[in-house]
Amino acid sequence: MKKGKTKLTRHDAERLFEGLPAGKVSASSRPENPFEAGVFDVVKRVDDETKLWKDNLISLPMAIELPAGYESVSRIRESMAKAWRVKWVREGKSEVVTEFPEGWTAVRPGNGPIELRDPSGVVRAFYGWAEDAELRILPRYLVESQANSSSGLGSLVVRDRANGRILQRSSNWSARTGTNHPDWTMLTAWLDLHYPQHRDPFRYWEDCEQNIHE
């Protein structure tokens, strides 16, 4: 993921229209339109703004890191819309405003990438602060490095990120980490056998499976 200077993005705004023209009082027997011309247009704009700026609007980078099996950004956006029930509101130069279901949040830590969390608090994706940042969507099952602070060695685990459970663990402790660890191939093969579609970040999640098949 590319790093860069912090970019501040407006997530929500409020525009209040006060002092709408008051109705005219007339002694005439024929009632007059109590609203001046154009007032209904103003009210409509207020309503549009209320619909546009909601708490569950999240700005995401335009660029998306493509998982295996996805040939284009448009293809993965289609999957996001279907699996996550995301609505694409509008596009800017380097970001796109999206509407997520209730409970989804973008958490901005003091340092590190922005975390996109589902209603249960699980990180489903993350992205950087720079204008050229990419959104990286995370799968449910992942091979992770686990370090031993006392020995300086590390092992690998297969983690179910939906609940934090460790499904498999390597038997070797090594100074090598990640794909260089001697047990990486073994655990990846285990994951391929038990969850053959684990590289697709929209498979095996309960909400995604339900939304995809509805």
C-alpha atoms as a PDB file:
ATOM      1  CA  MET A   1       0.000   0.000   0.000  1.00  0.00           C
ATOM      2  CA  LYS A   2       1.297   3.398  -0.892  1.00  0.00           C
ATOM      3  CA  LYS A   3       1.971   5.963   1.783  1.00  0.00           C
ATOM      4  CA  GLY A   4       1.789   9.703   1.596  1.00  0.00           C
ATOM      5  CA  LYS A   5       0.781  12.832   3.382  1.00  0.00           C
ATOM      6  CA  THR A   6      -2.426  12.887   5.330  1.00  0.00           C
ATOM      7  CA  LYS A   7      -5.440  13.927   3.357  1.00  0.00           C
ATOM      8  CA  LEU A   8      -8.399  15.307   5.195  1.00  0.00           C
ATOM      9  CA  THR A   9     -11.746  14.225   3.789  1.00  0.00           C
ATOM     10  CA  ARG A  10     -15.160  15.604   4.732  1.00  0.00           C
ATOM     11  CA  HIS A  11     -17.414  12.737   5.735  1.00  0.00           C
ATOM     12  CA  ASP A  12     -20.497  14.670   6.716  1.00  0.00           C
ATOM     13  CA  ALA A  13     -21.786  18.221   6.600  1.00  0.00           C
ATOM     14  CA  GLU A  14     -24.884  20.053   7.655  1.00  0.00           C
ATOM     15  CA  ARG A  15     -26.541  22.827   5.773  1.00  0.00           C
ATOM     16  CA  LEU A  16     -29.410  24.548   7.502  1.00  0.00           C
ATOM     17  CA  PHE A  17     -31.734  26.848   5.647  1.00  0.00           C
ATOM     18  CA  GLU A  18     -33.341  29.361   7.925  1.00  0.00           C
ATOM     19  CA  GLY A  19     -35.582  32.314   7.354  1.00  0.00           C
ATOM     20  CA  LEU A  20     -37.724  30.863   4.564  1.00  0.00           C
ATOM     21  CA  PRO A  21     -40.094  33.541   3.196  1.00  0.00           C
ATOM     22  CA  ALA A  22     -43.174  33.877   5.371  1.00  0.00           C
ATOM     23  CA  GLY A  23     -46.677  33.760   3.936  1.00  0.00           C
ATOM     24  CA  LYS A  24     -48.449  36.974   3.004  1.00  0.00           C
ATOM     25  CA  VAL A  25     -51.583  37.987   4.897  1.00  0.00           C
ATOM     26  CA  SER A  26     -54.393  39.298   2.666  1.00  0.00           C
ATOM     27  CA  ALA A  27     -57.976  40.355   3.251  1.00  0.00           C
ATOM     28  CA  SER A  28     -58.965  39.220  -0.212  1.00  0.00           C
ATOM     29  CA  SER A  29     -61.583  36.450  -0.439  1.00  0.00           C
ATOM     30  CA  ARG A  30     -59.349  34.632  -2.940  1.00  0.00           C
ATOM     31  CA  PRO A  31     -56.524  32.808  -1.114  1.00  0.00           C
ATOM     32  CA  GLU A  32     -53.026  33.525  -2.347  1.00  0.00           C
ATOM     33  CA  ASN A  33     -50.073  31.169  -2.518  1.00  0.00           C
ATOM     34  CA  PRO A  34     -48.438  31.563   0.931  1.00  0.00           C
ATOM     35  CA  PHE A  35     -45.007  30.755  -0.531  1.00  0.00           C
ATOM     36  CA  GLU A  36     -42.964  32.959  -2.783  1.00  0.00           C
ATOM     37  CA  ALA A  37     -41.713  31.607  -6.056  1.00  0.00           C
ATOM     38  CA  GLY A  38     -38.769  29.259  -5.715  1.00  0.00           C
ATOM     39  CA  VAL A  39     -39.358  28.253  -2.097  1.00  0.00           C
ATOM     40  CA  PHE A  40     -40.324  24.720  -3.073  1.00  0.00           C
ATOM     41  CA  ASP A  41     -37.018  24.456  -4.940  1.00  0.00           C
ATOM     42  CA  VAL A  42     -35.167  25.463  -1.761  1.00  0.00           C
ATOM     43  CA  VAL A  43     -37.064  22.882   0.303  1.00  0.00           C
ATOM     44  CA  LYS A  44     -36.226  20.221  -2.270  1.00  0.00           C
ATOM     45  CA  ARG A  45     -32.525  21.123  -2.072  1.00  0.00           C
ATOM     46  CA  VAL A  46     -32.661  20.881   1.727  1.00  0.00           C
ATOM     47  CA  ASP A  47     -34.191  17.416   1.435  1.00  0.00           C
ATOM     48  CA  ASP A  48     -31.541  16.363  -1.086  1.00  0.00           C
ATOM     49  CA  GLU A  49     -28.742  17.520   1.200  1.00  0.00           C
ATOM     50  CA  THR A  50     -30.272  15.607   4.120  1.00  0.00           C
ATOM     51  CA  LYS A  51     -30.305  12.441   2.051  1.00  0.00           C
ATOM     52  CA  LEU A  52     -26.753  12.983   0.808  1.00  0.00           C
ATOM     53  CA  TRP A  53     -24.927  13.652   4.072  1.00  0.00           C
ATOM     54  CA  LYS A  54     -25.576  10.777   6.445  1.00  0.00           C
ATOM     55  CA  ASP A  55     -23.602   9.245   9.275  1.00  0.00           C
ATOM     56  CA  ASN A  56     -23.078   6.051   7.285  1.00  0.00           C
ATOM     57  CA  LEU A  57     -21.434   7.761   4.309  1.00  0.00           C
ATOM     58  CA  ILE A  58     -17.784   6.772   3.962  1.00  0.00           C
ATOM     59  CA  SER A  59     -15.201   8.121   1.534  1.00  0.00           C
ATOM     60  CA  LEU A  60     -13.031   5.403  -0.015  1.00  0.00           C
ATOM     61  CA  PRO A  61     -10.051   5.640  -2.380  1.00  0.00           C
ATOM     62  CA  MET A  62     -10.787   5.388  -6.083  1.00  0.00           C
ATOM     63  CA  ALA A  63      -8.112   2.703  -6.442  1.00  0.00           C
ATOM     64  CA  ILE A  64      -8.709  -0.832  -5.163  1.00  0.00           C
ATOM     65  CA  GLU A  65      -6.111  -3.574  -4.791  1.00  0.00           C
ATOM     66  CA  LEU A  66      -7.494  -6.388  -6.933  1.00  0.00           C
ATOM     67  CA  PRO A  67      -7.798  -9.775  -5.196  1.00  0.00           C
ATOM     68  CA  ALA A  68      -7.166 -12.973  -7.145  1.00  0.00           C
ATOM     69  CA  GLY A  69      -9.936 -13.608  -9.645  1.00  0.00           C
ATOM     70  CA  TYR A  70     -10.939  -9.954 -10.110  1.00  0.00           C
ATOM     71  CA  GLU A  71      -9.793  -8.444 -13.374  1.00  0.00           C
ATOM     72  CA  SER A  72     -10.950  -4.855 -12.889  1.00  0.00           C
ATOM     73  CA  VAL A  73     -11.997  -2.244 -10.338  1.00  0.00           C
ATOM     74  CA  SER A  74     -15.494  -2.135 -11.818  1.00  0.00           C
ATOM     75  CA  ARG A  75     -15.846  -5.880 -11.272  1.00  0.00           C
ATOM     76  CA  ILE A  76     -14.896  -5.701  -7.615  1.00  0.00           C
ATOM     77  CA  ARG A  77     -17.164  -2.680  -7.109  1.00  0.00           C
ATOM     78  CA  GLU A  78     -20.050  -4.803  -8.350  1.00  0.00           C
ATOM     79  CA  SER A  79     -19.172  -7.456  -5.782  1.00  0.00           C
ATOM     80  CA  MET A  80     -18.931  -4.838  -3.024  1.00  0.00           C
ATOM     81  CA  ALA A  81     -22.376  -3.526  -3.913  1.00  0.00           C
ATOM     82  CA  LYS A  82     -23.871  -6.999  -3.812  1.00  0.00           C
ATOM     83  CA  ALA A  83     -22.018  -8.549  -0.865  1.00  0.00           C
ATOM     84  CA  TRP A  84     -21.788  -5.491   1.387  1.00  0.00           C
ATOM     85  CA  ARG A  85     -24.903  -3.670   0.141  1.00  0.00           C
ATOM     86  CA  VAL A  86     -22.779  -0.624  -0.684  1.00  0.00           C
ATOM     87  CA  LYS A  87     -24.269   2.236  -2.682  1.00  0.00           C
ATOM     88  CA  TRP A  88     -21.995   4.424  -4.791  1.00  0.00           C
ATOM     89  CA  VAL A  89     -23.038   8.022  -4.169  1.00  0.00           C
ATOM     90  CA  ARG A  90     -20.563  10.123  -6.135  1.00  0.00           C
ATOM     91  CA  GLU A  91     -16.977  10.145  -7.380  1.00  0.00           C
ATOM     92  CA  GLY A  92     -14.308  12.778  -6.895  1.00  0.00           C
ATOM     93  CA  LYS A  93     -10.801  13.109  -8.250  1.00  0.00           C
ATOM     94  CA  SER A  94      -9.182  10.642  -5.859  1.00  0.00           C
ATOM     95  CA  GLU A  95     -12.053   9.272  -3.764  1.00  0.00           C
ATOM     96  CA  VAL A  96     -15.566   7.944  -4.011  1.00  0.00           C
ATOM     97  CA  VAL A  97     -18.349   8.611  -1.497  1.00  0.00           C
ATOM     98  CA  THR A  98     -20.186   5.427  -0.553  1.00  0.00           C
ATOM     99  CA  GLU A  99     -23.228   4.662   1.557  1.00  0.00           C
ATOM    100  CA  PHE A 100     -22.805   1.607   3.779  1.00  0.00           C
ATOM    101  CA  PRO A 101     -25.426  -0.283   5.778  1.00  0.00           C
ATOM    102  CA  GLU A 102     -26.047   0.863   9.329  1.00  0.00           C
ATOM    103  CA  GLY A 103     -23.185   0.129  11.711  1.00  0.00           C
ATOM    104  CA  TRP A 104     -20.260   0.201   9.272  1.00  0.00           C
ATOM    105  CA  THR A 105     -17.556   2.704  10.218  1.00  0.00           C
ATOM    106  CA  ALA A 106     -14.222   4.052   9.015  1.00  0.00           C
ATOM    107  CA  VAL A 107     -11.905   4.305  12.019  1.00  0.00           C
ATOM    108  CA  ARG A 108      -9.007   6.755  11.727  1.00  0.00           C
ATOM    109  CA  PRO A 109      -6.221   5.850  14.151  1.00  0.00           C
ATOM    110  CA  GLY A 110      -3.497   8.267  15.202  1.00  0.00           C
ATOM    111  CA  ASN A 111      -1.116   6.459  12.871  1.00  0.00           C
ATOM    112  CA  GLY A 112      -1.415   3.620  10.420  1.00  0.00           C
ATOM    113  CA  PRO A 113      -4.097   2.986   7.790  1.00  0.00           C
ATOM    114  CA  ILE A 114      -7.789   3.788   8.078  1.00  0.00           C
ATOM    115  CA  GLU A 115      -9.787   0.698   9.071  1.00  0.00           C
ATOM    116  CA  LEU A 116     -13.141  -0.085   7.499  1.00  0.00           C
ATOM    117  CA  ARG A 117     -15.109  -2.011  10.150  1.00  0.00           C
ATOM    118  CA  ASP A 118     -18.369  -3.926   9.948  1.00  0.00           C
ATOM    119  CA  PRO A 119     -21.114  -3.548  12.604  1.00  0.00           C
ATOM    120  CA  SER A 120     -19.422  -6.170  14.826  1.00  0.00           C
ATOM    121  CA  GLY A 121     -16.139  -4.251  14.779  1.00  0.00           C
ATOM    122  CA  VAL A 122     -14.211  -6.651  12.515  1.00  0.00           C
ATOM    123  CA  VAL A 123     -11.806  -4.921  10.113  1.00  0.00           C
ATOM    124  CA  ARG A 124     -12.986  -5.812   6.613  1.00  0.00           C
ATOM    125  CA  ALA A 125     -10.642  -3.527   4.679  1.00  0.00           C
ATOM    126  CA  PHE A 126      -8.106  -0.758   5.151  1.00  0.00           C
ATOM    127  CA  TYR A 127      -6.575   2.078   3.164  1.00  0.00           C
ATOM    128  CA  GLY A 128      -4.014   4.848   3.497  1.00  0.00           C
ATOM    129  CA  TRP A 129      -4.370   8.582   3.893  1.00  0.00           C
ATOM    130  CA  ALA A 130      -2.705   9.708   0.667  1.00  0.00           C
ATOM    131  CA  GLU A 131      -4.529  10.783  -2.480  1.00  0.00           C
ATOM    132  CA  ASP A 132      -3.118   7.777  -4.347  1.00  0.00           C
ATOM    133  CA  ALA A 133      -4.086   5.277  -1.622  1.00  0.00           C
ATOM    134  CA  GLU A 134      -5.595   1.895  -2.466  1.00  0.00           C
ATOM    135  CA  LEU A 135      -8.384   0.066  -0.700  1.00  0.00           C
ATOM    136  CA  ARG A 136      -7.333  -3.423   0.392  1.00  0.00           C
ATOM    137  CA  ILE A 137     -10.203  -5.795   1.169  1.00  0.00           C
ATOM    138  CA  LEU A 138      -9.405  -8.573   3.630  1.00  0.00           C
ATOM    139  CA  PRO A 139     -10.648 -12.180   3.421  1.00  0.00           C
ATOM    140  CA  ARG A 140     -12.166 -14.042   6.347  1.00  0.00           C
ATOM    141  CA  TYR A 141      -9.398 -16.643   6.585  1.00  0.00           C
ATOM    142  CA  LEU A 142      -5.787 -15.547   6.572  1.00  0.00           C
ATOM    143  CA  VAL A 143      -2.314 -16.952   7.225  1.00  0.00           C
ATOM    144  CA  GLU A 144      -0.682 -14.593   9.722  1.00  0.00           C
ATOM    145  CA  SER A 145       2.734 -14.281  11.335  1.00  0.00           C
ATOM    146  CA  GLN A 146       2.877 -14.501  15.111  1.00  0.00           C
ATOM    147  CA  ALA A 147       6.014 -13.312  16.878  1.00  0.00           C
ATOM    148  CA  ASN A 148       7.513 -14.433  20.171  1.00  0.00           C
ATOM    149  CA  SER A 149       8.851 -11.306  21.836  1.00  0.00           C
ATOM    150  CA  SER A 150      11.193 -13.179  24.169  1.00  0.00           C
ATOM    151  CA  SER A 151      12.944 -15.339  21.560  1.00  0.00           C
ATOM    152  CA  GLY A 152      12.617 -13.086  18.530  1.00  0.00           C
ATOM    153  CA  LEU A 153      11.318 -16.054  16.537  1.00  0.00           C
ATOM    154  CA  GLY A 154       7.946 -16.339  14.856  1.00  0.00           C
ATOM    155  CA  SER A 155       5.379 -18.920  13.831  1.00  0.00           C
ATOM    156  CA  LEU A 156       2.394 -18.874  11.498  1.00  0.00           C
ATOM    157  CA  VAL A 157      -1.291 -19.262  12.270  1.00  0.00           C
ATOM    158  CA  VAL A 158      -4.427 -19.632  10.190  1.00  0.00           C
ATOM    159  CA  ARG A 159      -6.943 -17.241  11.727  1.00  0.00           C
ATOM    160  CA  ASP A 160     -10.690 -16.982  11.321  1.00  0.00           C
ATOM    161  CA  ARG A 161     -10.974 -13.215  11.341  1.00  0.00           C
ATOM    162  CA  ALA A 162     -14.735 -13.291  11.921  1.00  0.00           C
ATOM    163  CA  ASN A 163     -14.263 -14.479  15.502  1.00  0.00           C
ATOM    164  CA  GLY A 164     -10.493 -14.388  16.058  1.00  0.00           C
ATOM    165  CA  ARG A 165     -10.136 -18.153  16.398  1.00  0.00           C
ATOM    166  CA  ILE A 166      -6.863 -19.839  15.399  1.00  0.00           C
ATOM    167  CA  LEU A 167      -7.630 -22.826  13.175  1.00  0.00           C
ATOM    168  CA  GLN A 168      -4.095 -24.070  12.478  1.00  0.00           C
ATOM    169  CA  ARG A 169      -0.622 -23.305  13.781  1.00  0.00           C
ATOM    170  CA  SER A 170       2.828 -24.008  12.381  1.00  0.00           C
ATOM    171  CA  SER A 171       5.112 -26.354  14.317  1.00  0.00           C
ATOM    172  CA  ASN A 172       8.302 -24.404  13.583  1.00  0.00           C
ATOM    173  CA  TRP A 173       9.536 -21.223  15.198  1.00  0.00           C
ATOM    174  CA  SER A 174      11.751 -19.358  12.787  1.00  0.00           C
ATOM    175  CA  ALA A 175      13.458 -16.013  12.341  1.00  0.00           C
ATOM    176  CA  ARG A 176      11.921 -15.945   8.883  1.00  0.00           C
ATOM    177  CA  THR A 177       8.415 -14.502   8.622  1.00  0.00           C
ATOM    178  CA  GLY A 178       5.556 -14.317   6.162  1.00  0.00           C
ATOM    179  CA  THR A 179       5.962 -16.236   2.922  1.00  0.00           C
ATOM    180  CA  ASN A 180       9.605 -16.937   3.841  1.00  0.00           C
ATOM    181  CA  HIS A 181       8.599 -18.988   6.877  1.00  0.00           C
ATOM    182  CA  PRO A 182       9.295 -22.720   6.358  1.00  0.00           C
ATOM    183  CA  ASP A 183       5.662 -23.651   7.148  1.00  0.00           C
ATOM    184  CA  TRP A 184       4.032 -21.076   4.861  1.00  0.00           C
ATOM    185  CA  THR A 185       3.456 -23.568   2.044  1.00  0.00           C
ATOM    186  CA  MET A 186       2.022 -26.153   4.436  1.00  0.00           C
ATOM    187  CA  LEU A 187      -0.516 -23.803   6.030  1.00  0.00           C
ATOM    188  CA  THR A 188      -1.501 -22.285   2.689  1.00  0.00           C
ATOM    189  CA  ALA A 189      -2.151 -25.798   1.369  1.00  0.00           C
ATOM    190  CA  TRP A 190      -4.324 -26.519   4.442  1.00  0.00           C
ATOM    191  CA  LEU A 191      -6.288 -23.354   3.804  1.00  0.00           C
ATOM    192  CA  ASP A 192      -6.708 -24.199   0.106  1.00  0.00           C
ATOM    193  CA  LEU A 193      -8.053 -27.642   1.049  1.00  0.00           C
ATOM    194  CA  HIS A 194     -10.552 -26.557   3.686  1.00  0.00           C
ATOM    195  CA  TYR A 195     -11.582 -23.171   2.247  1.00  0.00           C
ATOM    196  CA  PRO A 196     -10.862 -23.315  -1.496  1.00  0.00           C
ATOM    197  CA  GLN A 197     -12.318 -19.840  -2.147  1.00  0.00           C
ATOM    198  CA  HIS A 198     -10.540 -18.122   0.738  1.00  0.00           C
ATOM    199  CA  ARG A 199      -8.760 -15.673  -1.581  1.00  0.00           C
ATOM    200  CA  ASP A 200     -12.099 -14.100  -2.503  1.00  0.00           C
ATOM    201  CA  PRO A 201     -12.693 -11.479   0.231  1.00  0.00           C
ATOM    202  CA  PHE A 202     -16.478 -11.753  -0.177  1.00  0.00           C
ATOM    203  CA  ARG A 203     -16.748 -15.510   0.427  1.00  0.00           C
ATOM    204  CA  TYR A 204     -17.451 -17.298   3.728  1.00  0.00           C
ATOM    205  CA  TRP A 205     -18.539 -14.129   5.562  1.00  0.00           C
ATOM    206  CA  GLU A 206     -22.094 -14.708   6.808  1.00  0.00           C
ATOM    207  CA  ASP A 207     -23.418 -11.343   5.669  1.00  0.00           C
ATOM    208  CA  CYS A 208     -21.804 -11.657   2.246  1.00  0.00           C
ATOM    209  CA  GLU A 209     -23.075 -15.181   1.649  1.00  0.00           C
ATOM    210  CA  GLN A 210     -26.587 -14.141   2.645  1.00  0.00           C
ATOM    211  CA  ASN A 211     -26.565 -11.021   0.464  1.00  0.00           C
ATOM    212  CA  ILE A 212     -25.038 -12.810  -2.539  1.00  0.00           C
ATOM    213  CA  HIS A 213     -27.686 -15.530  -2.542  1.00  0.00           C
ATOM    214  CA  GLU A 214     -30.690 -13.291  -1.965  1.00  0.00           C
END
